[in-house]
Amino acid sequence: MAVTPRFRLLKNTVIASPRAIVPAADPTQRAVPAEMLEQGYYQTVGTGPDLMENAKAAVREMVDWLATDQRLRLHEAYALCSVAGDLKINKTVDLPKWLVSMTFPRGVFGRPPSTFV
């Protein structure tokens, strides 16, 4: 695997947990059109000893990110997360710490946003 991280400093911004824009994990995925796969996914995470709290944190961060990046109202971002978001348990190796992520396809909004947040 090769990884090329790209970072951007966001001044005067508080982010409670890691956020990333990631490529499609499975480029052969048939349920999502190729144009959407090309834009990748927003990804947020929640980590800690409480699985449910971590899931809530990942969703809250995604709602906040979509509201900020796409200029949505909170209830609109939450509704979109419930329809198109994907919540996963990523890591159970270091129990009692759980890692939960939420991914959301950026292609839902058409073209990519002009800013990288």
N, C-alpha and C. Protein backbone atom coordinates (compact mmCIF):
# COMPACT_ATOMS: atom_id res chain seq x y z
N MET A 1 0.84 -1.16 0.00
CA MET A 1 0.00 0.00 0.00
C MET A 1 0.89 1.23 0.00
N ALA A 2 0.49 2.22 -0.76
CA ALA A 2 1.19 3.50 -0.77
C ALA A 2 0.21 4.58 -0.35
N VAL A 3 0.66 5.45 0.52
CA VAL A 3 -0.20 6.52 1.03
C VAL A 3 0.51 7.85 0.81
N THR A 4 -0.25 8.81 0.29
CA THR A 4 0.27 10.16 0.13
C THR A 4 -0.66 11.11 0.87
N PRO A 5 -0.38 11.38 2.15
CA PRO A 5 -1.26 12.28 2.90
C PRO A 5 -1.06 13.73 2.47
N ARG A 6 -2.14 14.49 2.52
CA ARG A 6 -2.09 15.91 2.22
C ARG A 6 -2.82 16.61 3.36
N PHE A 7 -2.19 17.58 3.95
CA PHE A 7 -2.76 18.27 5.10
C PHE A 7 -2.98 19.73 4.77
N ARG A 8 -3.97 20.31 5.41
CA ARG A 8 -4.24 21.73 5.25
C ARG A 8 -4.57 22.28 6.64
N LEU A 9 -4.00 23.41 6.97
CA LEU A 9 -4.25 24.07 8.24
C LEU A 9 -5.55 24.84 8.17
N LEU A 10 -6.42 24.60 9.12
CA LEU A 10 -7.70 25.31 9.20
C LEU A 10 -7.64 26.22 10.40
N LYS A 11 -7.42 27.48 10.17
CA LYS A 11 -7.31 28.44 11.26
C LYS A 11 -8.66 28.70 11.89
N ASN A 12 -8.65 28.95 13.19
CA ASN A 12 -9.85 29.27 13.96
C ASN A 12 -10.94 28.22 13.83
N THR A 13 -10.54 26.96 13.77
CA THR A 13 -11.48 25.85 13.64
C THR A 13 -11.17 24.81 14.70
N VAL A 14 -12.22 24.29 15.32
CA VAL A 14 -12.06 23.22 16.30
C VAL A 14 -12.66 21.95 15.69
N ILE A 15 -11.85 20.92 15.60
CA ILE A 15 -12.31 19.63 15.10
C ILE A 15 -12.08 18.64 16.23
N ALA A 16 -13.15 17.99 16.67
CA ALA A 16 -13.08 17.11 17.84
C ALA A 16 -12.39 15.78 17.57
N SER A 17 -12.44 15.30 16.34
CA SER A 17 -11.81 14.02 16.01
C SER A 17 -11.28 14.07 14.58
N PRO A 18 -10.46 13.08 14.22
CA PRO A 18 -9.87 13.10 12.87
C PRO A 18 -10.92 13.09 11.76
N ARG A 19 -10.61 13.79 10.68
CA ARG A 19 -11.44 13.83 9.49
C ARG A 19 -10.54 13.59 8.29
N ALA A 20 -11.11 12.97 7.26
CA ALA A 20 -10.31 12.73 6.05
C ALA A 20 -11.23 12.65 4.85
N ILE A 21 -10.67 12.95 3.71
CA ILE A 21 -11.33 12.66 2.44
C ILE A 21 -10.55 11.50 1.86
N VAL A 22 -11.25 10.39 1.65
CA VAL A 22 -10.59 9.15 1.24
C VAL A 22 -11.14 8.69 -0.10
N PRO A 23 -10.31 7.97 -0.88
CA PRO A 23 -10.82 7.43 -2.15
C PRO A 23 -11.77 6.27 -1.88
N ALA A 24 -12.48 5.88 -2.89
CA ALA A 24 -13.37 4.71 -2.77
C ALA A 24 -12.53 3.49 -2.44
N ALA A 25 -12.95 2.74 -1.45
CA ALA A 25 -12.20 1.56 -1.03
C ALA A 25 -12.33 0.43 -2.06
N ASP A 26 -13.46 0.37 -2.73
CA ASP A 26 -13.70 -0.69 -3.70
C ASP A 26 -14.14 -0.06 -5.03
N PRO A 27 -13.21 0.16 -5.95
CA PRO A 27 -13.57 0.82 -7.22
C PRO A 27 -14.51 0.00 -8.09
N THR A 28 -14.74 -1.27 -7.76
CA THR A 28 -15.65 -2.10 -8.54
C THR A 28 -17.06 -2.08 -7.95
N GLN A 29 -17.28 -1.26 -6.97
CA GLN A 29 -18.60 -1.19 -6.34
C GLN A 29 -19.64 -0.81 -7.38
N ARG A 30 -20.66 -1.60 -7.51
CA ARG A 30 -21.64 -1.41 -8.58
C ARG A 30 -22.84 -0.57 -8.17
N ALA A 31 -23.05 -0.37 -6.90
CA ALA A 31 -24.21 0.38 -6.44
C ALA A 31 -24.03 1.89 -6.59
N VAL A 32 -22.80 2.33 -6.77
CA VAL A 32 -22.51 3.77 -6.87
C VAL A 32 -21.94 4.06 -8.25
N PRO A 33 -22.49 5.05 -8.96
CA PRO A 33 -21.97 5.39 -10.29
C PRO A 33 -20.49 5.78 -10.24
N ALA A 34 -19.79 5.55 -11.33
CA ALA A 34 -18.35 5.83 -11.40
C ALA A 34 -18.04 7.29 -11.12
N GLU A 35 -18.90 8.22 -11.55
CA GLU A 35 -18.66 9.65 -11.31
C GLU A 35 -18.64 9.96 -9.81
N MET A 36 -19.47 9.25 -9.06
CA MET A 36 -19.50 9.46 -7.61
C MET A 36 -18.28 8.83 -6.94
N LEU A 37 -17.89 7.64 -7.41
CA LEU A 37 -16.73 6.97 -6.82
C LEU A 37 -15.46 7.79 -6.99
N GLU A 38 -15.34 8.48 -8.12
CA GLU A 38 -14.14 9.28 -8.39
C GLU A 38 -13.93 10.39 -7.36
N GLN A 39 -15.00 10.87 -6.75
CA GLN A 39 -14.90 11.97 -5.79
C GLN A 39 -14.56 11.50 -4.38
N GLY A 40 -14.61 10.21 -4.14
CA GLY A 40 -14.23 9.68 -2.84
C GLY A 40 -15.29 9.93 -1.77
N TYR A 41 -14.84 9.86 -0.54
CA TYR A 41 -15.74 9.92 0.61
C TYR A 41 -15.21 10.86 1.69
N TYR A 42 -16.13 11.50 2.38
CA TYR A 42 -15.79 12.15 3.64
C TYR A 42 -15.69 11.02 4.67
N GLN A 43 -14.78 11.13 5.63
CA GLN A 43 -14.70 10.12 6.68
C GLN A 43 -14.43 10.80 8.02
N THR A 44 -15.21 10.43 9.02
CA THR A 44 -15.01 10.91 10.39
C THR A 44 -14.91 9.69 11.30
N VAL A 45 -14.32 9.88 12.48
CA VAL A 45 -14.16 8.75 13.41
C VAL A 45 -14.51 9.15 14.83
N GLY A 46 -14.84 8.13 15.59
CA GLY A 46 -15.01 8.26 17.03
C GLY A 46 -14.20 7.14 17.67
N THR A 47 -13.48 7.45 18.72
CA THR A 47 -12.66 6.42 19.37
C THR A 47 -12.73 6.57 20.88
N GLY A 48 -12.64 5.44 21.57
CA GLY A 48 -12.69 5.44 23.02
C GLY A 48 -13.27 4.14 23.54
N PRO A 49 -13.56 4.07 24.84
CA PRO A 49 -14.02 2.83 25.45
C PRO A 49 -15.50 2.51 25.26
N ASP A 50 -16.31 3.47 24.84
CA ASP A 50 -17.75 3.25 24.73
C ASP A 50 -18.17 3.21 23.26
N LEU A 51 -18.55 2.04 22.79
CA LEU A 51 -18.89 1.85 21.38
C LEU A 51 -20.01 2.78 20.93
N MET A 52 -21.06 2.90 21.70
CA MET A 52 -22.19 3.74 21.30
C MET A 52 -21.81 5.22 21.26
N GLU A 53 -21.05 5.68 22.24
CA GLU A 53 -20.60 7.07 22.24
C GLU A 53 -19.69 7.36 21.06
N ASN A 54 -18.87 6.39 20.69
CA ASN A 54 -17.99 6.57 19.54
C ASN A 54 -18.80 6.68 18.25
N ALA A 55 -19.83 5.86 18.13
CA ALA A 55 -20.70 5.93 16.95
C ALA A 55 -21.39 7.28 16.89
N LYS A 56 -21.90 7.75 18.02
CA LYS A 56 -22.54 9.07 18.06
C LYS A 56 -21.56 10.17 17.70
N ALA A 57 -20.33 10.07 18.19
CA ALA A 57 -19.31 11.08 17.90
C ALA A 57 -18.99 11.12 16.41
N ALA A 58 -18.86 9.95 15.78
CA ALA A 58 -18.56 9.89 14.35
C ALA A 58 -19.69 10.53 13.54
N VAL A 59 -20.92 10.26 13.94
CA VAL A 59 -22.07 10.84 13.22
C VAL A 59 -22.12 12.34 13.45
N ARG A 60 -21.93 12.79 14.71
CA ARG A 60 -21.95 14.23 15.00
C ARG A 60 -20.91 14.98 14.19
N GLU A 61 -19.72 14.42 14.11
CA GLU A 61 -18.65 15.06 13.34
C GLU A 61 -19.00 15.12 11.85
N MET A 62 -19.61 14.06 11.34
CA MET A 62 -20.00 14.06 9.93
C MET A 62 -21.08 15.10 9.67
N VAL A 63 -22.07 15.18 10.55
CA VAL A 63 -23.13 16.18 10.41
C VAL A 63 -22.52 17.58 10.42
N ASP A 64 -21.61 17.82 11.35
CA ASP A 64 -20.97 19.13 11.44
C ASP A 64 -20.17 19.43 10.17
N TRP A 65 -19.41 18.46 9.68
CA TRP A 65 -18.59 18.66 8.50
C TRP A 65 -19.46 18.94 7.27
N LEU A 66 -20.52 18.15 7.09
CA LEU A 66 -21.40 18.38 5.94
C LEU A 66 -22.09 19.73 6.03
N ALA A 67 -22.51 20.10 7.23
CA ALA A 67 -23.16 21.40 7.40
C ALA A 67 -22.21 22.53 7.05
N THR A 68 -20.96 22.40 7.45
CA THR A 68 -19.96 23.43 7.18
C THR A 68 -19.52 23.43 5.72
N ASP A 69 -19.13 22.26 5.23
CA ASP A 69 -18.54 22.15 3.90
C ASP A 69 -19.56 22.35 2.79
N GLN A 70 -20.77 21.86 2.99
CA GLN A 70 -21.80 21.94 1.95
C GLN A 70 -22.86 23.01 2.25
N ARG A 71 -22.66 23.73 3.34
CA ARG A 71 -23.59 24.79 3.76
C ARG A 71 -25.02 24.27 3.91
N LEU A 72 -25.13 23.14 4.61
CA LEU A 72 -26.43 22.54 4.89
C LEU A 72 -26.88 22.93 6.28
N ARG A 73 -28.17 22.87 6.53
CA ARG A 73 -28.68 23.01 7.89
C ARG A 73 -28.40 21.69 8.60
N LEU A 74 -28.29 21.75 9.92
CA LEU A 74 -27.94 20.54 10.69
C LEU A 74 -28.94 19.41 10.43
N HIS A 75 -30.23 19.73 10.41
CA HIS A 75 -31.21 18.66 10.21
C HIS A 75 -31.11 18.07 8.79
N GLU A 76 -30.71 18.86 7.80
CA GLU A 76 -30.52 18.34 6.45
C GLU A 76 -29.31 17.40 6.40
N ALA A 77 -28.23 17.82 7.04
CA ALA A 77 -27.02 16.98 7.08
C ALA A 77 -27.30 15.67 7.81
N TYR A 78 -28.04 15.75 8.90
CA TYR A 78 -28.38 14.54 9.66
C TYR A 78 -29.24 13.60 8.82
N ALA A 79 -30.23 14.14 8.11
CA ALA A 79 -31.09 13.31 7.26
C ALA A 79 -30.27 12.63 6.17
N LEU A 80 -29.34 13.37 5.55
CA LEU A 80 -28.49 12.79 4.52
C LEU A 80 -27.61 11.67 5.09
N CYS A 81 -27.09 11.87 6.30
CA CYS A 81 -26.27 10.84 6.93
C CYS A 81 -27.07 9.57 7.17
N SER A 82 -28.35 9.74 7.53
CA SER A 82 -29.16 8.55 7.81
C SER A 82 -29.47 7.77 6.53
N VAL A 83 -29.43 8.45 5.38
CA VAL A 83 -29.75 7.79 4.12
C VAL A 83 -28.50 7.28 3.41
N ALA A 84 -27.45 8.12 3.33
CA ALA A 84 -26.28 7.79 2.52
C ALA A 84 -25.01 7.53 3.32
N GLY A 85 -25.04 7.78 4.63
CA GLY A 85 -23.85 7.55 5.44
C GLY A 85 -23.66 6.08 5.75
N ASP A 86 -22.42 5.69 5.98
CA ASP A 86 -22.08 4.31 6.29
C ASP A 86 -21.27 4.29 7.58
N LEU A 87 -21.85 3.73 8.62
CA LEU A 87 -21.22 3.67 9.94
C LEU A 87 -20.62 2.28 10.13
N LYS A 88 -19.34 2.23 10.49
CA LYS A 88 -18.65 0.94 10.62
C LYS A 88 -17.83 0.87 11.90
N ILE A 89 -17.76 -0.31 12.46
CA ILE A 89 -16.81 -0.57 13.55
C ILE A 89 -15.52 -0.98 12.86
N ASN A 90 -14.47 -0.19 13.03
CA ASN A 90 -13.22 -0.44 12.32
C ASN A 90 -12.21 -1.24 13.11
N LYS A 91 -12.21 -1.08 14.42
CA LYS A 91 -11.14 -1.72 15.17
C LYS A 91 -11.64 -2.18 16.52
N THR A 92 -11.36 -3.43 16.83
CA THR A 92 -11.68 -3.97 18.16
C THR A 92 -10.45 -4.63 18.78
N VAL A 93 -9.30 -4.43 18.19
CA VAL A 93 -8.08 -5.10 18.63
C VAL A 93 -7.64 -4.64 20.01
N ASP A 94 -7.66 -3.35 20.27
CA ASP A 94 -7.17 -2.81 21.53
C ASP A 94 -8.30 -2.56 22.51
N LEU A 95 -9.19 -3.54 22.66
CA LEU A 95 -10.30 -3.35 23.60
C LEU A 95 -9.73 -3.02 24.96
N PRO A 96 -10.28 -2.09 25.68
CA PRO A 96 -11.62 -1.54 25.54
C PRO A 96 -11.72 -0.33 24.63
N LYS A 97 -10.73 -0.05 23.80
CA LYS A 97 -10.85 1.08 22.86
C LYS A 97 -11.44 0.59 21.55
N TRP A 98 -12.49 1.26 21.12
CA TRP A 98 -13.16 0.96 19.87
C TRP A 98 -12.88 2.09 18.88
N LEU A 99 -12.83 1.76 17.61
CA LEU A 99 -12.71 2.78 16.57
C LEU A 99 -13.91 2.62 15.64
N VAL A 100 -14.71 3.67 15.54
CA VAL A 100 -15.90 3.66 14.70
C VAL A 100 -15.75 4.77 13.67
N SER A 101 -16.08 4.48 12.40
CA SER A 101 -15.98 5.51 11.38
C SER A 101 -17.32 5.68 10.66
N MET A 102 -17.50 6.88 10.15
CA MET A 102 -18.63 7.15 9.27
C MET A 102 -18.08 7.67 7.97
N THR A 103 -18.54 7.10 6.86
CA THR A 103 -18.15 7.59 5.55
C THR A 103 -19.40 8.08 4.83
N PHE A 104 -19.20 9.07 3.98
CA PHE A 104 -20.30 9.67 3.24
C PHE A 104 -19.79 9.99 1.84
N PRO A 105 -20.46 9.52 0.79
CA PRO A 105 -19.98 9.75 -0.58
C PRO A 105 -20.08 11.22 -0.98
N ARG A 106 -18.95 11.79 -1.35
CA ARG A 106 -18.91 13.21 -1.74
C ARG A 106 -19.68 13.46 -3.04
N GLY A 107 -19.83 12.44 -3.87
CA GLY A 107 -20.51 12.58 -5.13
C GLY A 107 -22.01 12.84 -5.01
N VAL A 108 -22.56 12.68 -3.82
CA VAL A 108 -23.98 12.97 -3.60
C VAL A 108 -24.29 14.40 -3.97
N PHE A 109 -23.34 15.29 -3.79
CA PHE A 109 -23.56 16.72 -4.03
C PHE A 109 -23.21 17.16 -5.45
N GLY A 110 -22.92 16.21 -6.32
CA GLY A 110 -22.55 16.59 -7.69
C GLY A 110 -21.07 16.79 -7.79
N ARG A 111 -20.65 17.99 -8.06
CA ARG A 111 -19.22 18.27 -8.19
C ARG A 111 -18.60 18.49 -6.80
N PRO A 112 -17.29 18.28 -6.66
CA PRO A 112 -16.63 18.48 -5.37
C PRO A 112 -16.72 19.94 -4.92
N PRO A 113 -16.74 20.16 -3.59
CA PRO A 113 -16.77 21.55 -3.12
C PRO A 113 -15.48 22.26 -3.46
N SER A 114 -15.53 23.57 -3.51
CA SER A 114 -14.36 24.35 -3.90
C SER A 114 -13.29 24.39 -2.80
N THR A 115 -13.69 24.09 -1.57
CA THR A 115 -12.73 24.13 -0.46
C THR A 115 -12.52 22.73 0.08
N PHE A 116 -11.33 22.49 0.58
CA PHE A 116 -10.99 21.24 1.24
C PHE A 116 -11.06 21.48 2.72
N VAL A 117 -12.03 20.87 3.40
CA VAL A 117 -12.19 21.07 4.84
C VAL A 117 -11.99 19.76 5.53
